[in-house]
Amino acid sequence: MLHLQRSRYLNATTTLSTLLSLGVIPIINENDTISVSEILHVNKFGDNDTLSAIAAGMCGADYLFLMTDVDGLYEDNPRRVPGARRVAVVRDIEEVRRLVSTSTLGSSLGTGGMETKLIAAELATAAGCATVITMGSFPARIVSIVQAHQSRTAPPSPQLPSTATLPSTSSACLLY
């Protein structure tokens, strides 16, 4: 069984690498049963955040952007607690779990809220991929976030602590 899983993983990695080398941006969705069963032979991931973190690790991505309906990671739900503080940079996911309320869903549209984003960030950062949580209704922010990060530090590395901070106008949370 382990050999079969490894074979599928290698096949998926090769497919992603080939598509990217051809300039194709693969779209992988948790609801697409073909993608899920072919990538890791798992019946259900439960969310696209986890699937995106696995795919980011498979293709050696520098960044994983987790788009959401709020402008980053907050210590509490900003819809219910108007004074909730936004967390700009996370270097220790376990530490931020103690600070951040993740017990409630952010909206009726999502399946896991910030907890699944933190799980995904943990997976992606373990693979050397910086993870950004930002508002999905402003996709143009992706370019400015990457530019701001790259202008302050070398590409992300799990071995090297970063001193990068994003401008306060970026409305995102960067996780290492």
N, C-alpha and C. Protein backbone atom coordinates (compact mmCIF):
# COMPACT_ATOMS: atom_id res chain seq x y z
N MET A 1 0.82 -1.19 0.00
CA MET A 1 0.00 0.00 0.00
C MET A 1 0.87 1.27 0.00
N LEU A 2 1.94 1.26 0.81
CA LEU A 2 2.82 2.41 0.88
C LEU A 2 3.46 2.70 -0.48
N HIS A 3 3.85 1.64 -1.20
CA HIS A 3 4.45 1.81 -2.53
C HIS A 3 3.45 2.46 -3.49
N LEU A 4 2.19 2.06 -3.40
CA LEU A 4 1.15 2.64 -4.26
C LEU A 4 0.96 4.12 -3.96
N GLN A 5 0.95 4.49 -2.67
CA GLN A 5 0.82 5.90 -2.30
C GLN A 5 2.02 6.71 -2.79
N ARG A 6 3.21 6.16 -2.64
CA ARG A 6 4.42 6.85 -3.09
C ARG A 6 4.39 7.04 -4.60
N SER A 7 3.93 6.02 -5.30
CA SER A 7 3.83 6.09 -6.76
C SER A 7 2.86 7.19 -7.19
N ARG A 8 1.74 7.28 -6.52
CA ARG A 8 0.76 8.33 -6.84
C ARG A 8 1.29 9.71 -6.51
N TYR A 9 2.00 9.81 -5.40
CA TYR A 9 2.61 11.09 -5.03
C TYR A 9 3.61 11.53 -6.10
N LEU A 10 4.47 10.63 -6.52
CA LEU A 10 5.46 10.95 -7.54
C LEU A 10 4.80 11.31 -8.87
N ASN A 11 3.73 10.59 -9.21
CA ASN A 11 2.99 10.88 -10.44
C ASN A 11 2.38 12.28 -10.37
N ALA A 12 1.78 12.61 -9.26
CA ALA A 12 1.17 13.94 -9.11
C ALA A 12 2.23 15.04 -9.13
N THR A 13 3.37 14.79 -8.48
CA THR A 13 4.46 15.76 -8.47
C THR A 13 4.98 16.00 -9.88
N THR A 14 5.17 14.93 -10.63
CA THR A 14 5.64 15.04 -12.02
C THR A 14 4.63 15.79 -12.87
N THR A 15 3.36 15.49 -12.68
CA THR A 15 2.31 16.18 -13.45
C THR A 15 2.31 17.67 -13.15
N LEU A 16 2.36 18.04 -11.87
CA LEU A 16 2.38 19.46 -11.50
C LEU A 16 3.62 20.15 -12.07
N SER A 17 4.77 19.53 -11.94
CA SER A 17 6.01 20.12 -12.45
C SER A 17 5.95 20.31 -13.96
N THR A 18 5.43 19.33 -14.66
CA THR A 18 5.32 19.42 -16.12
C THR A 18 4.38 20.55 -16.52
N LEU A 19 3.23 20.62 -15.88
CA LEU A 19 2.27 21.68 -16.20
C LEU A 19 2.88 23.06 -15.95
N LEU A 20 3.56 23.22 -14.82
CA LEU A 20 4.18 24.51 -14.50
C LEU A 20 5.28 24.85 -15.50
N SER A 21 6.07 23.87 -15.91
CA SER A 21 7.15 24.14 -16.87
C SER A 21 6.60 24.54 -18.23
N LEU A 22 5.37 24.14 -18.52
CA LEU A 22 4.72 24.51 -19.78
C LEU A 22 3.97 25.83 -19.67
N GLY A 23 4.03 26.47 -18.51
CA GLY A 23 3.35 27.74 -18.31
C GLY A 23 1.88 27.60 -17.97
N VAL A 24 1.47 26.40 -17.64
CA VAL A 24 0.07 26.14 -17.28
C VAL A 24 -0.08 26.28 -15.77
N ILE A 25 -1.10 26.97 -15.34
CA ILE A 25 -1.39 27.08 -13.91
C ILE A 25 -2.46 26.03 -13.59
N PRO A 26 -2.05 24.96 -12.90
CA PRO A 26 -3.04 23.91 -12.59
C PRO A 26 -4.04 24.40 -11.54
N ILE A 27 -5.28 24.05 -11.74
CA ILE A 27 -6.32 24.39 -10.77
C ILE A 27 -6.76 23.09 -10.13
N ILE A 28 -6.56 23.02 -8.83
CA ILE A 28 -6.86 21.81 -8.06
C ILE A 28 -7.90 22.18 -7.03
N ASN A 29 -9.00 21.45 -7.01
CA ASN A 29 -10.09 21.76 -6.10
C ASN A 29 -10.45 20.53 -5.31
N GLU A 30 -10.65 20.68 -4.02
CA GLU A 30 -11.01 19.56 -3.15
C GLU A 30 -12.28 18.87 -3.60
N ASN A 31 -13.18 19.61 -4.22
CA ASN A 31 -14.44 19.02 -4.67
C ASN A 31 -14.30 18.22 -5.95
N ASP A 32 -13.15 18.29 -6.60
CA ASP A 32 -12.90 17.54 -7.83
C ASP A 32 -12.42 16.15 -7.43
N THR A 33 -13.28 15.17 -7.52
CA THR A 33 -12.94 13.84 -7.03
C THR A 33 -11.77 13.22 -7.76
N ILE A 34 -11.55 13.57 -9.00
CA ILE A 34 -10.41 13.03 -9.73
C ILE A 34 -9.11 13.56 -9.14
N SER A 35 -9.06 14.86 -8.85
CA SER A 35 -7.84 15.45 -8.28
C SER A 35 -7.51 14.82 -6.93
N VAL A 36 -8.49 14.72 -6.07
CA VAL A 36 -8.25 14.21 -4.73
C VAL A 36 -7.78 12.77 -4.78
N SER A 37 -8.46 11.91 -5.53
CA SER A 37 -8.08 10.50 -5.54
C SER A 37 -6.75 10.28 -6.24
N GLU A 38 -6.42 11.08 -7.23
CA GLU A 38 -5.16 10.90 -7.93
C GLU A 38 -3.98 11.48 -7.16
N ILE A 39 -4.20 12.52 -6.39
CA ILE A 39 -3.06 13.14 -5.71
C ILE A 39 -2.55 12.27 -4.57
N LEU A 40 -3.39 11.87 -3.66
CA LEU A 40 -2.89 11.10 -2.52
C LEU A 40 -3.78 9.93 -2.12
N HIS A 41 -4.73 9.59 -2.94
CA HIS A 41 -5.60 8.44 -2.67
C HIS A 41 -6.23 8.55 -1.28
N VAL A 42 -6.77 9.71 -1.02
CA VAL A 42 -7.47 9.96 0.23
C VAL A 42 -8.91 10.28 -0.15
N ASN A 43 -9.87 9.74 0.59
CA ASN A 43 -11.27 9.95 0.22
C ASN A 43 -11.70 11.41 0.33
N LYS A 44 -11.24 12.13 1.35
CA LYS A 44 -11.66 13.51 1.53
C LYS A 44 -10.63 14.27 2.34
N PHE A 45 -10.22 15.45 1.85
CA PHE A 45 -9.33 16.31 2.60
C PHE A 45 -10.12 17.11 3.61
N GLY A 46 -11.30 17.57 3.22
CA GLY A 46 -12.11 18.39 4.10
C GLY A 46 -12.04 19.86 3.77
N ASP A 47 -11.00 20.27 3.05
CA ASP A 47 -10.91 21.68 2.72
C ASP A 47 -9.84 21.89 1.65
N ASN A 48 -9.97 22.99 0.94
CA ASN A 48 -9.00 23.35 -0.08
C ASN A 48 -7.71 23.90 0.51
N ASP A 49 -7.74 24.39 1.75
CA ASP A 49 -6.54 24.90 2.39
C ASP A 49 -5.50 23.79 2.53
N THR A 50 -5.93 22.65 3.05
CA THR A 50 -5.01 21.52 3.21
C THR A 50 -4.52 21.02 1.86
N LEU A 51 -5.43 20.89 0.92
CA LEU A 51 -5.05 20.43 -0.41
C LEU A 51 -4.06 21.39 -1.06
N SER A 52 -4.26 22.69 -0.89
CA SER A 52 -3.34 23.66 -1.49
C SER A 52 -1.97 23.59 -0.84
N ALA A 53 -1.93 23.34 0.46
CA ALA A 53 -0.64 23.22 1.15
C ALA A 53 0.13 21.99 0.66
N ILE A 54 -0.57 20.90 0.46
CA ILE A 54 0.07 19.69 -0.05
C ILE A 54 0.57 19.92 -1.46
N ALA A 55 -0.25 20.55 -2.31
CA ALA A 55 0.15 20.83 -3.69
C ALA A 55 1.33 21.81 -3.71
N ALA A 56 1.34 22.81 -2.84
CA ALA A 56 2.45 23.77 -2.78
C ALA A 56 3.75 23.06 -2.42
N GLY A 57 3.68 22.14 -1.48
CA GLY A 57 4.85 21.37 -1.10
C GLY A 57 5.31 20.46 -2.23
N MET A 58 4.37 19.87 -2.94
CA MET A 58 4.71 18.95 -4.03
C MET A 58 5.45 19.65 -5.17
N CYS A 59 5.10 20.89 -5.43
CA CYS A 59 5.74 21.58 -6.56
C CYS A 59 6.83 22.55 -6.11
N GLY A 60 7.16 22.55 -4.82
CA GLY A 60 8.25 23.39 -4.32
C GLY A 60 7.97 24.87 -4.41
N ALA A 61 6.72 25.26 -4.15
CA ALA A 61 6.33 26.67 -4.23
C ALA A 61 7.05 27.51 -3.18
N ASP A 62 7.36 28.75 -3.53
CA ASP A 62 7.93 29.69 -2.57
C ASP A 62 6.87 30.25 -1.64
N TYR A 63 5.66 30.43 -2.16
CA TYR A 63 4.55 31.03 -1.40
C TYR A 63 3.28 30.22 -1.58
N LEU A 64 2.46 30.21 -0.53
CA LEU A 64 1.11 29.69 -0.59
C LEU A 64 0.21 30.82 -0.12
N PHE A 65 -0.73 31.21 -0.96
CA PHE A 65 -1.70 32.24 -0.60
C PHE A 65 -3.02 31.57 -0.26
N LEU A 66 -3.46 31.77 0.98
CA LEU A 66 -4.75 31.26 1.43
C LEU A 66 -5.71 32.44 1.45
N MET A 67 -6.61 32.43 0.49
CA MET A 67 -7.54 33.55 0.35
C MET A 67 -8.76 33.30 1.24
N THR A 68 -9.21 34.37 1.89
CA THR A 68 -10.32 34.26 2.82
C THR A 68 -11.20 35.50 2.71
N ASP A 69 -12.21 35.58 3.54
CA ASP A 69 -13.13 36.71 3.48
C ASP A 69 -12.83 37.76 4.53
N VAL A 70 -11.70 37.64 5.21
CA VAL A 70 -11.22 38.68 6.12
C VAL A 70 -9.79 39.03 5.71
N ASP A 71 -9.29 40.16 6.17
CA ASP A 71 -8.00 40.65 5.69
C ASP A 71 -6.81 40.16 6.50
N GLY A 72 -6.81 38.88 6.87
CA GLY A 72 -5.68 38.30 7.56
C GLY A 72 -6.12 37.43 8.73
N LEU A 73 -5.17 37.16 9.61
CA LEU A 73 -5.39 36.34 10.79
C LEU A 73 -5.61 37.27 11.98
N TYR A 74 -6.64 37.01 12.75
CA TYR A 74 -6.98 37.85 13.91
C TYR A 74 -6.94 37.03 15.19
N GLU A 75 -6.70 37.72 16.31
CA GLU A 75 -6.71 37.06 17.61
C GLU A 75 -8.11 36.60 17.98
N ASP A 76 -9.12 37.23 17.39
CA ASP A 76 -10.51 36.82 17.62
C ASP A 76 -11.28 37.09 16.33
N ASN A 77 -12.51 36.63 16.24
CA ASN A 77 -13.32 36.83 15.04
C ASN A 77 -13.67 38.31 14.92
N PRO A 78 -13.14 39.00 13.89
CA PRO A 78 -13.37 40.44 13.77
C PRO A 78 -14.83 40.80 13.51
N ARG A 79 -15.63 39.85 13.06
CA ARG A 79 -17.07 40.13 12.86
C ARG A 79 -17.82 40.18 14.18
N ARG A 80 -17.34 39.44 15.15
CA ARG A 80 -18.01 39.38 16.45
C ARG A 80 -17.34 40.27 17.49
N VAL A 81 -16.04 40.51 17.31
CA VAL A 81 -15.28 41.32 18.26
C VAL A 81 -14.66 42.47 17.49
N PRO A 82 -15.31 43.64 17.47
CA PRO A 82 -14.84 44.77 16.65
C PRO A 82 -13.40 45.19 16.91
N GLY A 83 -12.88 45.03 18.10
CA GLY A 83 -11.52 45.45 18.41
C GLY A 83 -10.48 44.35 18.24
N ALA A 84 -10.84 43.26 17.58
CA ALA A 84 -9.91 42.13 17.42
C ALA A 84 -8.64 42.59 16.70
N ARG A 85 -7.49 42.19 17.23
CA ARG A 85 -6.20 42.59 16.65
C ARG A 85 -5.79 41.63 15.54
N ARG A 86 -5.26 42.22 14.45
CA ARG A 86 -4.74 41.43 13.33
C ARG A 86 -3.31 41.02 13.63
N VAL A 87 -2.96 39.78 13.31
CA VAL A 87 -1.60 39.27 13.47
C VAL A 87 -0.90 39.43 12.13
N ALA A 88 0.21 40.16 12.09
CA ALA A 88 0.88 40.44 10.82
C ALA A 88 1.84 39.34 10.40
N VAL A 89 2.67 38.87 11.31
CA VAL A 89 3.68 37.87 10.98
C VAL A 89 3.66 36.78 12.05
N VAL A 90 3.70 35.53 11.60
CA VAL A 90 3.74 34.38 12.50
C VAL A 90 4.99 33.59 12.21
N ARG A 91 5.79 33.35 13.22
CA ARG A 91 6.97 32.51 13.04
C ARG A 91 6.84 31.19 13.79
N ASP A 92 5.84 31.10 14.69
CA ASP A 92 5.62 29.89 15.48
C ASP A 92 4.12 29.63 15.51
N ILE A 93 3.68 28.64 14.74
CA ILE A 93 2.24 28.38 14.60
C ILE A 93 1.64 27.89 15.92
N GLU A 94 2.38 27.08 16.67
CA GLU A 94 1.87 26.62 17.96
C GLU A 94 1.64 27.79 18.91
N GLU A 95 2.55 28.76 18.89
CA GLU A 95 2.39 29.94 19.75
C GLU A 95 1.16 30.74 19.34
N VAL A 96 0.98 30.92 18.04
CA VAL A 96 -0.16 31.71 17.58
C VAL A 96 -1.48 30.99 17.85
N ARG A 97 -1.48 29.67 17.88
CA ARG A 97 -2.71 28.93 18.23
C ARG A 97 -3.17 29.26 19.64
N ARG A 98 -2.23 29.55 20.52
CA ARG A 98 -2.60 29.93 21.89
C ARG A 98 -3.20 31.33 21.94
N LEU A 99 -2.82 32.18 20.99
CA LEU A 99 -3.28 33.57 20.98
C LEU A 99 -4.57 33.77 20.18
N VAL A 100 -4.77 32.94 19.16
CA VAL A 100 -5.83 33.16 18.18
C VAL A 100 -7.02 32.25 18.46
N SER A 101 -8.21 32.82 18.40
CA SER A 101 -9.43 32.04 18.52
C SER A 101 -9.74 31.41 17.17
N THR A 102 -9.74 30.08 17.11
CA THR A 102 -10.04 29.39 15.86
C THR A 102 -11.23 28.44 16.02
N SER A 103 -11.98 28.61 17.10
CA SER A 103 -13.03 27.65 17.41
C SER A 103 -14.30 27.85 16.59
N THR A 104 -14.47 29.00 15.95
CA THR A 104 -15.69 29.23 15.18
C THR A 104 -15.36 29.43 13.71
N LEU A 105 -16.31 29.05 12.86
CA LEU A 105 -16.15 29.28 11.43
C LEU A 105 -16.24 30.77 11.17
N GLY A 106 -15.46 31.25 10.21
CA GLY A 106 -15.49 32.66 9.88
C GLY A 106 -16.77 33.06 9.18
N SER A 107 -17.29 32.19 8.33
CA SER A 107 -18.52 32.49 7.60
C SER A 107 -19.25 31.19 7.32
N SER A 108 -20.45 31.30 6.82
CA SER A 108 -21.23 30.12 6.48
C SER A 108 -20.73 29.46 5.20
N LEU A 109 -19.84 30.14 4.46
CA LEU A 109 -19.36 29.60 3.19
C LEU A 109 -18.19 28.64 3.36
N GLY A 110 -17.41 28.77 4.40
CA GLY A 110 -16.22 27.96 4.58
C GLY A 110 -16.51 26.69 5.35
N THR A 111 -15.54 25.75 5.31
CA THR A 111 -15.70 24.51 6.06
C THR A 111 -14.80 24.44 7.28
N GLY A 112 -13.83 25.32 7.40
CA GLY A 112 -12.91 25.16 8.51
C GLY A 112 -12.41 26.44 9.11
N GLY A 113 -12.62 27.56 8.48
CA GLY A 113 -12.18 28.83 9.04
C GLY A 113 -10.68 28.92 9.20
N MET A 114 -10.25 29.66 10.20
CA MET A 114 -8.82 29.91 10.40
C MET A 114 -8.07 28.68 10.88
N GLU A 115 -8.72 27.76 11.55
CA GLU A 115 -8.02 26.56 12.01
C GLU A 115 -7.47 25.77 10.82
N THR A 116 -8.26 25.60 9.76
CA THR A 116 -7.74 24.87 8.60
C THR A 116 -6.63 25.66 7.91
N LYS A 117 -6.69 26.97 7.98
CA LYS A 117 -5.62 27.79 7.40
C LYS A 117 -4.32 27.63 8.19
N LEU A 118 -4.43 27.53 9.50
CA LEU A 118 -3.24 27.31 10.32
C LEU A 118 -2.66 25.91 10.09
N ILE A 119 -3.52 24.91 9.92
CA ILE A 119 -3.04 23.56 9.60
C ILE A 119 -2.33 23.58 8.25
N ALA A 120 -2.93 24.23 7.28
CA ALA A 120 -2.32 24.33 5.96
C ALA A 120 -1.00 25.08 6.03
N ALA A 121 -0.95 26.15 6.81
CA ALA A 121 0.29 26.92 6.96
C ALA A 121 1.38 26.06 7.59
N GLU A 122 0.99 25.24 8.54
CA GLU A 122 1.96 24.35 9.18
C GLU A 122 2.54 23.36 8.17
N LEU A 123 1.68 22.78 7.34
CA LEU A 123 2.14 21.85 6.30
C LEU A 123 3.03 22.55 5.29
N ALA A 124 2.60 23.71 4.82
CA ALA A 124 3.35 24.42 3.78
C ALA A 124 4.68 24.93 4.30
N THR A 125 4.70 25.50 5.49
CA THR A 125 5.96 26.03 6.01
C THR A 125 6.95 24.90 6.31
N ALA A 126 6.44 23.73 6.69
CA ALA A 126 7.32 22.58 6.89
C ALA A 126 8.00 22.17 5.59
N ALA A 127 7.34 22.47 4.46
CA ALA A 127 7.90 22.18 3.14
C ALA A 127 8.73 23.35 2.61
N GLY A 128 8.93 24.40 3.43
CA GLY A 128 9.74 25.54 3.01
C GLY A 128 8.99 26.59 2.24
N CYS A 129 7.68 26.62 2.38
CA CYS A 129 6.82 27.53 1.61
C CYS A 129 6.22 28.58 2.55
N ALA A 130 6.56 29.86 2.34
CA ALA A 130 5.96 30.93 3.13
C ALA A 130 4.47 30.97 2.82
N THR A 131 3.66 31.16 3.84
CA THR A 131 2.21 31.13 3.68
C THR A 131 1.64 32.49 4.02
N VAL A 132 0.72 32.96 3.18
CA VAL A 132 0.09 34.26 3.37
C VAL A 132 -1.42 34.06 3.45
N ILE A 133 -2.03 34.61 4.49
CA ILE A 133 -3.49 34.63 4.61
C ILE A 133 -3.92 36.05 4.28
N THR A 134 -4.77 36.19 3.25
CA THR A 134 -5.21 37.52 2.85
C THR A 134 -6.62 37.44 2.26
N MET A 135 -7.21 38.59 2.07
CA MET A 135 -8.59 38.69 1.58
C MET A 135 -8.68 38.32 0.10
N GLY A 136 -9.54 37.37 -0.20
CA GLY A 136 -9.69 36.88 -1.57
C GLY A 136 -10.34 37.87 -2.52
N SER A 137 -11.05 38.84 -2.00
CA SER A 137 -11.71 39.80 -2.89
C SER A 137 -10.74 40.83 -3.46
N PHE A 138 -9.48 40.78 -3.04
CA PHE A 138 -8.46 41.68 -3.56
C PHE A 138 -7.24 40.88 -4.05
N PRO A 139 -7.40 40.09 -5.11
CA PRO A 139 -6.29 39.24 -5.56
C PRO A 139 -5.06 40.02 -6.03
N ALA A 140 -5.22 41.28 -6.39
CA ALA A 140 -4.08 42.09 -6.82
C ALA A 140 -3.08 42.29 -5.69
N ARG A 141 -3.50 42.09 -4.46
CA ARG A 141 -2.59 42.22 -3.32
C ARG A 141 -1.45 41.20 -3.38
N ILE A 142 -1.67 40.08 -4.05
CA ILE A 142 -0.65 39.03 -4.10
C ILE A 142 0.67 39.59 -4.60
N VAL A 143 0.63 40.34 -5.70
CA VAL A 143 1.86 40.91 -6.27
C VAL A 143 2.51 41.86 -5.29
N SER A 144 1.75 42.75 -4.67
CA SER A 144 2.35 43.71 -3.75
C SER A 144 2.90 43.02 -2.50
N ILE A 145 2.26 41.97 -2.04
CA ILE A 145 2.75 41.23 -0.87
C ILE A 145 4.09 40.57 -1.19
N VAL A 146 4.18 39.90 -2.33
CA VAL A 146 5.43 39.25 -2.72
C VAL A 146 6.53 40.29 -2.91
N GLN A 147 6.22 41.40 -3.58
CA GLN A 147 7.22 42.45 -3.78
C GLN A 147 7.70 43.02 -2.45
N ALA A 148 6.77 43.26 -1.52
CA ALA A 148 7.14 43.80 -0.21
C ALA A 148 8.02 42.81 0.54
N HIS A 149 7.68 41.55 0.48
CA HIS A 149 8.47 40.53 1.16
C HIS A 149 9.86 40.40 0.55
N GLN A 150 9.93 40.35 -0.77
CA GLN A 150 11.22 40.16 -1.44
C GLN A 150 12.12 41.38 -1.31
N SER A 151 11.55 42.56 -1.16
CA SER A 151 12.38 43.75 -1.02
C SER A 151 13.02 43.85 0.37
N ARG A 152 12.52 43.08 1.32
CA ARG A 152 13.02 43.15 2.69
C ARG A 152 13.90 41.97 3.09
N THR A 153 13.86 40.88 2.34
CA THR A 153 14.59 39.69 2.74
C THR A 153 14.81 38.77 1.54
N ALA A 154 15.66 37.80 1.71
CA ALA A 154 15.87 36.78 0.68
C ALA A 154 14.63 35.90 0.61
N PRO A 155 14.49 35.04 -0.41
CA PRO A 155 13.33 34.14 -0.47
C PRO A 155 13.20 33.35 0.83
N PRO A 156 11.99 32.97 1.18
CA PRO A 156 11.74 32.33 2.46
C PRO A 156 12.51 31.03 2.60
N SER A 157 12.93 30.76 3.82
CA SER A 157 13.64 29.53 4.12
C SER A 157 13.24 29.08 5.51
N PRO A 158 12.87 27.80 5.67
CA PRO A 158 12.48 27.35 7.00
C PRO A 158 13.67 27.29 7.96
N GLN A 159 14.89 27.25 7.44
CA GLN A 159 16.05 27.15 8.31
C GLN A 159 16.52 28.51 8.83
N LEU A 160 16.21 29.58 8.11
CA LEU A 160 16.70 30.89 8.47
C LEU A 160 15.58 31.76 9.01
N PRO A 161 15.74 32.32 10.21
CA PRO A 161 14.70 33.22 10.70
C PRO A 161 14.65 34.47 9.83
N SER A 162 13.47 34.97 9.60
CA SER A 162 13.31 36.15 8.76
C SER A 162 13.05 37.37 9.61
N THR A 163 13.51 38.50 9.12
CA THR A 163 13.22 39.76 9.80
C THR A 163 12.20 40.56 9.00
N ALA A 164 11.59 39.93 8.01
CA ALA A 164 10.66 40.64 7.13
C ALA A 164 9.38 40.99 7.87
N THR A 165 8.89 42.17 7.60
CA THR A 165 7.56 42.55 8.03
C THR A 165 6.87 43.16 6.83
N LEU A 166 5.60 42.96 6.75
CA LEU A 166 4.85 43.52 5.64
C LEU A 166 4.39 44.92 5.99
N PRO A 167 4.23 45.78 4.98
CA PRO A 167 3.69 47.10 5.28
C PRO A 167 2.30 46.97 5.88
N SER A 168 1.94 47.88 6.76
CA SER A 168 0.66 47.77 7.44
C SER A 168 -0.51 47.84 6.47
N THR A 169 -0.30 48.38 5.28
CA THR A 169 -1.38 48.48 4.31
C THR A 169 -1.59 47.18 3.55
N SER A 170 -0.75 46.17 3.75
CA SER A 170 -0.88 44.95 2.97
C SER A 170 -2.07 44.11 3.37
N SER A 171 -2.58 44.27 4.58
CA SER A 171 -3.73 43.51 5.06
C SER A 171 -3.55 42.02 4.80
N ALA A 172 -2.52 41.47 5.37
CA ALA A 172 -2.26 40.04 5.21
C ALA A 172 -1.54 39.54 6.45
N CYS A 173 -1.44 38.25 6.56
CA CYS A 173 -0.66 37.61 7.61
C CYS A 173 0.34 36.71 6.94
N LEU A 174 1.60 36.91 7.20
CA LEU A 174 2.67 36.10 6.61
C LEU A 174 3.13 35.10 7.66
N LEU A 175 3.12 33.82 7.29
CA LEU A 175 3.55 32.77 8.20
C LEU A 175 4.81 32.12 7.67
N TYR A 176 5.80 31.88 8.55
CA TYR A 176 7.04 31.21 8.19
C TYR A 176 7.10 29.87 8.85
